[in-house]
Amino acid sequence: MTRVYLPLSLALLADLHASGELTVTDDAVVAPDDSEEGEYAALMTAADASAAMLTGPGRRVVVVAELDKEPETGWTVPLKRLVAVHADTEDRPADADPDEDLGWYGVQEIPALLGSHEPE
């Protein structure tokens, strides 16, 4: 299995939840290996890409998918391939520390995560 980290915004997470799938973009990050360090590095790289999507204060969101092989841009990933969601626990200012850790959410918690905050 290949673990892929896909940066999103809350609005894109809402789209994913509504449609049941998401399209892989150039921002997708593949973990170099299955070590804790490799996965953390991939997560934080995707978190930086998520932060770049924000136009002001907001929340970084990264979804994690397990795929049979490394994805290509334009591939569609179904919601059922997601294994985790990482997101800031609250809106952060535009100048927030880029190394701050994200909270972990189970895929089944997406509705609650979306319901507790307005998408940016």
C-alpha atoms as a PDB file:
ATOM      1  CA  MET A   1       0.000   0.000   0.000  1.00  0.00           C
ATOM      2  CA  THR A   2       1.049   3.556  -0.712  1.00  0.00           C
ATOM      3  CA  ARG A   3       0.073   6.194   1.826  1.00  0.00           C
ATOM      4  CA  VAL A   4      -0.821   9.506   0.180  1.00  0.00           C
ATOM      5  CA  TYR A   5      -1.365  12.838   1.961  1.00  0.00           C
ATOM      6  CA  LEU A   6      -3.777  15.162   0.165  1.00  0.00           C
ATOM      7  CA  PRO A   7      -3.957  18.826   1.236  1.00  0.00           C
ATOM      8  CA  LEU A   8      -7.426  20.388   1.333  1.00  0.00           C
ATOM      9  CA  SER A   9      -9.355  23.282   2.784  1.00  0.00           C
ATOM     10  CA  LEU A  10     -12.558  22.833   4.800  1.00  0.00           C
ATOM     11  CA  ALA A  11     -14.534  23.770   1.684  1.00  0.00           C
ATOM     12  CA  LEU A  12     -12.775  21.048  -0.331  1.00  0.00           C
ATOM     13  CA  LEU A  13     -13.339  18.563   2.512  1.00  0.00           C
ATOM     14  CA  ALA A  14     -17.056  19.416   2.332  1.00  0.00           C
ATOM     15  CA  ASP A  15     -16.972  18.780  -1.433  1.00  0.00           C
ATOM     16  CA  LEU A  16     -15.241  15.431  -0.844  1.00  0.00           C
ATOM     17  CA  HIS A  17     -17.819  14.450   1.746  1.00  0.00           C
ATOM     18  CA  ALA A  18     -20.723  15.429  -0.540  1.00  0.00           C
ATOM     19  CA  SER A  19     -19.389  13.781  -3.703  1.00  0.00           C
ATOM     20  CA  GLY A  20     -17.707  10.746  -2.122  1.00  0.00           C
ATOM     21  CA  GLU A  21     -14.497  11.259  -4.077  1.00  0.00           C
ATOM     22  CA  LEU A  22     -11.645  13.629  -4.644  1.00  0.00           C
ATOM     23  CA  THR A  23      -9.300  14.294  -7.536  1.00  0.00           C
ATOM     24  CA  VAL A  24      -5.570  13.993  -6.925  1.00  0.00           C
ATOM     25  CA  THR A  25      -3.689  17.236  -7.604  1.00  0.00           C
ATOM     26  CA  ASP A  26      -0.011  18.100  -7.946  1.00  0.00           C
ATOM     27  CA  ASP A  27      -0.005  18.884  -4.207  1.00  0.00           C
ATOM     28  CA  ALA A  28      -0.410  15.222  -3.217  1.00  0.00           C
ATOM     29  CA  VAL A  29       2.459  13.989  -1.059  1.00  0.00           C
ATOM     30  CA  VAL A  30       3.521  10.348  -0.962  1.00  0.00           C
ATOM     31  CA  ALA A  31       5.214   9.173   2.227  1.00  0.00           C
ATOM     32  CA  PRO A  32       8.770   8.091   1.354  1.00  0.00           C
ATOM     33  CA  ASP A  33       8.418   5.013   3.580  1.00  0.00           C
ATOM     34  CA  ASP A  34       6.182   3.707   6.346  1.00  0.00           C
ATOM     35  CA  SER A  35       8.374   4.971   9.170  1.00  0.00           C
ATOM     36  CA  GLU A  36       6.886   7.407  11.664  1.00  0.00           C
ATOM     37  CA  GLU A  37       9.377  10.054  10.542  1.00  0.00           C
ATOM     38  CA  GLY A  38       8.594   9.570   6.847  1.00  0.00           C
ATOM     39  CA  GLU A  39       4.855   9.775   7.401  1.00  0.00           C
ATOM     40  CA  TYR A  40       5.187  12.842   9.635  1.00  0.00           C
ATOM     41  CA  ALA A  41       7.342  14.595   7.026  1.00  0.00           C
ATOM     42  CA  ALA A  42       4.735  13.852   4.333  1.00  0.00           C
ATOM     43  CA  LEU A  43       1.931  15.089   6.601  1.00  0.00           C
ATOM     44  CA  MET A  44       3.694  18.364   7.362  1.00  0.00           C
ATOM     45  CA  THR A  45       4.554  18.928   3.686  1.00  0.00           C
ATOM     46  CA  ALA A  46       0.881  18.469   2.815  1.00  0.00           C
ATOM     47  CA  ALA A  47      -0.073  20.758   5.736  1.00  0.00           C
ATOM     48  CA  ASP A  48       2.144  23.479   4.245  1.00  0.00           C
ATOM     49  CA  ALA A  49       0.353  23.050   0.905  1.00  0.00           C
ATOM     50  CA  SER A  50      -3.001  23.278   2.695  1.00  0.00           C
ATOM     51  CA  ALA A  51      -1.893  26.487   4.447  1.00  0.00           C
ATOM     52  CA  ALA A  52      -0.970  27.937   1.048  1.00  0.00           C
ATOM     53  CA  MET A  53      -4.596  27.413  -0.055  1.00  0.00           C
ATOM     54  CA  LEU A  54      -5.860  29.719   2.690  1.00  0.00           C
ATOM     55  CA  THR A  55      -6.344  33.375   1.829  1.00  0.00           C
ATOM     56  CA  GLY A  56      -6.363  34.445   5.481  1.00  0.00           C
ATOM     57  CA  PRO A  57      -7.153  32.843   8.829  1.00  0.00           C
ATOM     58  CA  GLY A  58      -8.463  29.304   8.545  1.00  0.00           C
ATOM     59  CA  ARG A  59      -7.734  25.661   9.118  1.00  0.00           C
ATOM     60  CA  ARG A  60      -5.283  23.379   7.379  1.00  0.00           C
ATOM     61  CA  VAL A  61      -6.779  20.024   6.364  1.00  0.00           C
ATOM     62  CA  VAL A  62      -4.948  16.927   5.123  1.00  0.00           C
ATOM     63  CA  VAL A  63      -6.666  13.658   4.251  1.00  0.00           C
ATOM     64  CA  VAL A  64      -4.722  10.415   4.148  1.00  0.00           C
ATOM     65  CA  ALA A  65      -5.517   7.710   1.603  1.00  0.00           C
ATOM     66  CA  GLU A  66      -4.078   4.251   1.186  1.00  0.00           C
ATOM     67  CA  LEU A  67      -3.789   3.313  -2.468  1.00  0.00           C
ATOM     68  CA  ASP A  68      -2.477   0.272  -4.306  1.00  0.00           C
ATOM     69  CA  LYS A  69       0.193   2.366  -6.027  1.00  0.00           C
ATOM     70  CA  GLU A  70       1.466   5.911  -6.246  1.00  0.00           C
ATOM     71  CA  PRO A  71      -1.292   8.134  -7.670  1.00  0.00           C
ATOM     72  CA  GLU A  72      -1.094  10.315 -10.726  1.00  0.00           C
ATOM     73  CA  THR A  73      -2.515  13.826 -10.998  1.00  0.00           C
ATOM     74  CA  GLY A  74      -6.147  13.637 -12.108  1.00  0.00           C
ATOM     75  CA  TRP A  75      -6.862  10.262 -10.521  1.00  0.00           C
ATOM     76  CA  THR A  76     -10.052  10.041  -8.507  1.00  0.00           C
ATOM     77  CA  VAL A  77      -9.776   8.720  -4.950  1.00  0.00           C
ATOM     78  CA  PRO A  78     -13.020   7.432  -3.399  1.00  0.00           C
ATOM     79  CA  LEU A  79     -13.870   8.391   0.167  1.00  0.00           C
ATOM     80  CA  LYS A  80     -13.650   4.711   1.166  1.00  0.00           C
ATOM     81  CA  ARG A  81      -9.859   4.795   0.532  1.00  0.00           C
ATOM     82  CA  LEU A  82      -9.335   7.447   3.215  1.00  0.00           C
ATOM     83  CA  VAL A  83      -7.873   6.262   6.497  1.00  0.00           C
ATOM     84  CA  ALA A  84      -7.575   9.544   8.438  1.00  0.00           C
ATOM     85  CA  VAL A  85      -8.177  13.265   8.412  1.00  0.00           C
ATOM     86  CA  HIS A  86      -5.745  15.723   9.984  1.00  0.00           C
ATOM     87  CA  ALA A  87      -6.893  19.279  10.633  1.00  0.00           C
ATOM     88  CA  ASP A  88      -6.209  22.246  12.847  1.00  0.00           C
ATOM     89  CA  THR A  89      -8.480  22.078  15.876  1.00  0.00           C
ATOM     90  CA  GLU A  90      -9.467  25.718  15.379  1.00  0.00           C
ATOM     91  CA  ASP A  91      -8.952  28.561  12.929  1.00  0.00           C
ATOM     92  CA  ARG A  92      -5.403  29.835  12.969  1.00  0.00           C
ATOM     93  CA  PRO A  93      -4.122  33.264  12.005  1.00  0.00           C
ATOM     94  CA  ALA A  94      -2.454  33.668   8.625  1.00  0.00           C
ATOM     95  CA  ASP A  95       0.932  34.134  10.350  1.00  0.00           C
ATOM     96  CA  ALA A  96       0.624  31.020  12.580  1.00  0.00           C
ATOM     97  CA  ASP A  97       3.579  28.741  13.266  1.00  0.00           C
ATOM     98  CA  PRO A  98       3.847  26.462  10.213  1.00  0.00           C
ATOM     99  CA  ASP A  99       5.223  23.602  12.334  1.00  0.00           C
ATOM    100  CA  GLU A 100       2.221  23.380  14.652  1.00  0.00           C
ATOM    101  CA  ASP A 101       0.791  19.853  14.702  1.00  0.00           C
ATOM    102  CA  LEU A 102      -2.620  18.992  13.311  1.00  0.00           C
ATOM    103  CA  GLY A 103      -5.363  17.141  15.168  1.00  0.00           C
ATOM    104  CA  TRP A 104      -6.268  13.604  14.087  1.00  0.00           C
ATOM    105  CA  TYR A 105      -9.825  12.673  13.127  1.00  0.00           C
ATOM    106  CA  GLY A 106     -11.314   9.407  11.972  1.00  0.00           C
ATOM    107  CA  VAL A 107     -12.955   9.480   8.545  1.00  0.00           C
ATOM    108  CA  GLN A 108     -16.320   8.902  10.228  1.00  0.00           C
ATOM    109  CA  GLU A 109     -15.816  12.240  12.046  1.00  0.00           C
ATOM    110  CA  ILE A 110     -15.875  14.332   8.832  1.00  0.00           C
ATOM    111  CA  PRO A 111     -19.525  15.411   9.300  1.00  0.00           C
ATOM    112  CA  ALA A 112     -18.813  16.596  12.859  1.00  0.00           C
ATOM    113  CA  LEU A 113     -15.639  18.351  11.730  1.00  0.00           C
ATOM    114  CA  LEU A 114     -17.565  20.150   8.996  1.00  0.00           C
ATOM    115  CA  GLY A 115     -20.545  20.894  11.214  1.00  0.00           C
ATOM    116  CA  SER A 116     -18.493  22.592  13.894  1.00  0.00           C
ATOM    117  CA  HIS A 117     -16.936  25.195  11.578  1.00  0.00           C
ATOM    118  CA  GLU A 118     -17.897  27.293   8.613  1.00  0.00           C
ATOM    119  CA  PRO A 119     -15.865  26.384   5.498  1.00  0.00           C
ATOM    120  CA  GLU A 120     -13.485  29.110   4.395  1.00  0.00           C
END
